[in-house]
């Protein structure tokens, strides 16, 4: 009886360890990217359906990665005489490579619109990586009871995000 209990406990422990050791492709990719990030940058994986958003014209991605450096700030201009401190940040969406033709058609069709247009950031063996100008150095502001968002491409903002963009380009180029 005691031996059966021990065997059952060992079997349960091995099964639990095996289940906890399984890692999703998104988690594996995020962990690989995290290792390549410049100092101060973090990467957060979001994969919950209905919580990822998407650029105009595209469906929700398989997962998204949000990058931020909370050790740096730049001043985003709001209006003519106001500014706001913003941490450099970037959001990337990952779509399966099987959707390549559809995603590329959508990107081409959306070039004519002024809002949240999808942009191909990188192409990997398994994924198309999509962003939008709105998601680079994004900040939001309340105006007249509405929340407006914008990406910032000032010299200061571009300098703050440049090390991240270089690291991501190197990572994605190696994964083609």
Protein backbone atom coordinates (compact mmCIF):
# COMPACT_ATOMS: atom_id res chain seq x y z
CA UNK A 1 0.00 0.00 0.00
CA UNK A 2 2.78 2.38 0.98
CA UNK A 3 4.64 1.53 -2.25
CA UNK A 4 1.52 2.28 -4.36
CA UNK A 5 1.17 5.64 -2.65
CA UNK A 6 4.82 6.51 -3.35
CA UNK A 7 4.51 5.39 -6.99
CA UNK A 8 1.34 7.45 -7.39
CA UNK A 9 3.02 10.50 -5.84
CA UNK A 10 6.03 10.16 -8.15
CA UNK A 11 3.75 9.78 -11.20
CA UNK A 12 1.75 12.85 -10.18
CA UNK A 13 4.92 14.91 -9.63
CA UNK A 14 6.43 13.87 -12.99
CA UNK A 15 3.17 14.69 -14.80
CA UNK A 16 2.91 18.08 -13.06
CA UNK A 17 6.52 18.94 -13.91
CA UNK A 18 6.03 17.93 -17.54
CA UNK A 19 2.91 20.11 -17.84
CA UNK A 20 4.60 23.10 -16.23
CA UNK A 21 7.68 22.66 -18.42
CA UNK A 22 5.69 22.99 -21.66
CA UNK A 23 6.19 26.43 -23.12
CA UNK A 24 4.17 27.94 -25.94
CA UNK A 25 5.85 29.14 -29.15
CA UNK A 26 4.89 32.72 -28.18
CA UNK A 27 6.54 32.36 -24.76
CA UNK A 28 9.63 30.85 -26.36
CA UNK A 29 9.88 33.71 -28.87
CA UNK A 30 9.35 36.36 -26.18
CA UNK A 31 12.06 34.77 -24.01
CA UNK A 32 14.48 34.74 -26.96
CA UNK A 33 13.81 38.39 -27.74
CA UNK A 34 14.06 39.38 -24.07
CA UNK A 35 17.62 38.01 -24.00
CA UNK A 36 18.59 40.33 -26.88
CA UNK A 37 17.05 43.54 -25.55
CA UNK A 38 19.22 46.51 -24.63
CA UNK A 39 19.57 47.36 -20.93
CA UNK A 40 16.42 48.83 -19.40
CA UNK A 41 13.99 47.37 -21.93
CA UNK A 42 11.31 44.88 -20.98
CA UNK A 43 9.01 42.77 -23.11
CA UNK A 44 5.48 41.72 -22.10
CA UNK A 45 3.61 38.94 -23.90
CA UNK A 46 -0.15 39.34 -24.36
CA UNK A 47 -1.99 36.38 -25.84
CA UNK A 48 -5.47 36.55 -24.34
CA UNK A 49 -8.07 36.61 -27.09
CA UNK A 50 -10.05 39.84 -27.19
CA UNK A 51 -7.33 41.78 -25.34
CA UNK A 52 -4.75 42.40 -28.07
CA UNK A 53 -6.41 44.89 -30.40
CA UNK A 54 -5.30 45.17 -34.02
CA UNK A 55 -4.54 47.75 -36.69
CA UNK A 56 -7.35 48.76 -39.01
CA UNK A 57 -8.20 46.03 -41.50
CA UNK A 58 -6.43 43.14 -39.77
CA UNK A 59 -7.81 40.49 -37.48
CA UNK A 60 -6.53 39.90 -33.97
CA UNK A 61 -3.01 38.43 -34.00
CA UNK A 62 -1.84 35.14 -32.53
CA UNK A 63 -0.09 37.19 -29.83
CA UNK A 64 1.47 40.57 -29.24
CA UNK A 65 4.62 41.84 -27.55
CA UNK A 66 4.77 45.20 -25.79
CA UNK A 67 8.18 46.77 -25.19
CA UNK A 68 8.96 49.62 -22.79
CA UNK A 69 11.95 51.23 -21.14
CA UNK A 70 10.85 52.76 -17.84
CA UNK A 71 14.39 54.06 -17.19
CA UNK A 72 14.13 56.62 -20.01
CA UNK A 73 11.67 59.38 -20.85
CA UNK A 74 11.29 61.92 -23.60
CA UNK A 75 9.01 64.92 -23.87
CA UNK A 76 6.08 64.42 -26.25
CA UNK A 77 4.59 67.65 -27.55
CA UNK A 78 0.92 68.15 -26.78
CA UNK A 79 -0.39 71.26 -28.42
CA UNK A 80 1.81 74.29 -29.00
CA UNK A 81 3.11 74.89 -25.49
CA UNK A 82 2.54 71.68 -23.54
CA UNK A 83 4.50 68.46 -23.30
CA UNK A 84 4.22 65.16 -21.53
CA UNK A 85 6.87 62.73 -20.24
CA UNK A 86 6.66 59.43 -22.11
CA UNK A 87 8.66 56.22 -21.74
CA UNK A 88 9.89 54.90 -25.12
CA UNK A 89 7.69 51.98 -26.15
CA UNK A 90 6.66 49.77 -29.04
CA UNK A 91 3.91 47.23 -29.72
CA UNK A 92 4.30 44.36 -32.19
CA UNK A 93 1.65 41.90 -33.38
CA UNK A 94 2.49 38.41 -34.61
CA UNK A 95 0.40 36.80 -37.36
CA UNK A 96 0.99 33.28 -38.66
CA UNK A 97 3.04 33.09 -41.85
CA UNK A 98 0.19 31.14 -43.50
CA UNK A 99 -1.76 34.44 -43.59
CA UNK A 100 1.06 36.20 -45.48
CA UNK A 101 -0.87 36.95 -48.67
CA UNK A 102 -3.97 38.21 -46.85
CA UNK A 103 -1.94 40.37 -44.47
CA UNK A 104 0.10 41.86 -47.32
CA UNK A 105 -3.10 42.64 -49.29
CA UNK A 106 -4.57 44.34 -46.24
CA UNK A 107 -1.42 46.39 -45.65
CA UNK A 108 -1.49 47.56 -49.27
CA UNK A 109 -5.21 48.41 -49.12
CA UNK A 110 -4.85 50.30 -45.82
CA UNK A 111 -2.06 52.61 -47.07
CA UNK A 112 -4.71 55.11 -48.14
CA UNK A 113 -6.18 55.61 -44.67
CA UNK A 114 -4.86 57.99 -42.01
CA UNK A 115 -5.54 55.86 -38.90
CA UNK A 116 -3.78 52.87 -37.34
CA UNK A 117 -2.48 51.61 -40.66
CA UNK A 118 -0.73 48.24 -40.44
CA UNK A 119 2.97 48.17 -41.33
CA UNK A 120 5.10 45.08 -41.89
CA UNK A 121 7.85 45.38 -39.27
CA UNK A 122 9.55 42.03 -40.01
CA UNK A 123 8.97 38.67 -41.63
CA UNK A 124 10.19 35.51 -39.93
CA UNK A 125 9.97 31.84 -40.87
CA UNK A 126 6.79 31.38 -38.82
CA UNK A 127 5.39 34.89 -38.32
CA UNK A 128 4.67 38.23 -39.91
CA UNK A 129 5.44 40.97 -37.40
CA UNK A 130 3.09 43.93 -37.70
CA UNK A 131 3.08 47.35 -36.10
CA UNK A 132 1.52 50.71 -36.89
CA UNK A 133 2.94 54.25 -36.61
CA UNK A 134 0.55 54.79 -33.72
CA UNK A 135 2.35 52.12 -31.66
CA UNK A 136 5.89 53.53 -31.70
CA UNK A 137 6.47 55.75 -28.68
CA UNK A 138 2.73 55.82 -28.12
CA UNK A 139 1.09 58.15 -25.64
CA UNK A 140 -2.51 59.05 -24.96
CA UNK A 141 -4.19 62.28 -23.99
CA UNK A 142 -7.71 63.15 -22.85
CA UNK A 143 -9.30 65.80 -25.06
CA UNK A 144 -12.93 66.77 -24.66
CA UNK A 145 -13.86 63.54 -22.87
CA UNK A 146 -12.18 61.33 -25.48
CA UNK A 147 -8.86 59.54 -25.36
CA UNK A 148 -6.59 60.16 -28.32
CA UNK A 149 -3.41 58.24 -29.01
CA UNK A 150 -0.40 59.08 -31.11
CA UNK A 151 3.06 57.80 -31.90
CA UNK A 152 5.96 60.21 -31.41
CA UNK A 153 8.71 60.48 -34.05
CA UNK A 154 10.55 63.53 -32.75
CA UNK A 155 14.36 63.41 -32.70
CA UNK A 156 14.30 62.85 -28.93
CA UNK A 157 11.77 60.00 -29.21
CA UNK A 158 13.63 58.38 -32.11
CA UNK A 159 16.91 58.52 -30.19
CA UNK A 160 15.27 56.89 -27.14
CA UNK A 161 13.85 53.95 -29.11
CA UNK A 162 16.78 53.45 -31.53
CA UNK A 163 18.62 50.80 -29.43
CA UNK A 164 15.44 48.68 -29.24
CA UNK A 165 14.79 48.94 -32.98
CA UNK A 166 18.39 47.93 -33.74
CA UNK A 167 18.19 44.91 -31.40
CA UNK A 168 14.85 43.79 -32.85
CA UNK A 169 16.10 44.18 -36.43
CA UNK A 170 19.13 42.00 -35.64
CA UNK A 171 16.95 39.40 -33.93
CA UNK A 172 14.37 39.22 -36.71
CA UNK A 173 16.98 39.23 -39.49
CA UNK A 174 18.55 36.16 -37.87
CA UNK A 175 15.16 34.39 -37.82
CA UNK A 176 14.28 34.77 -41.53
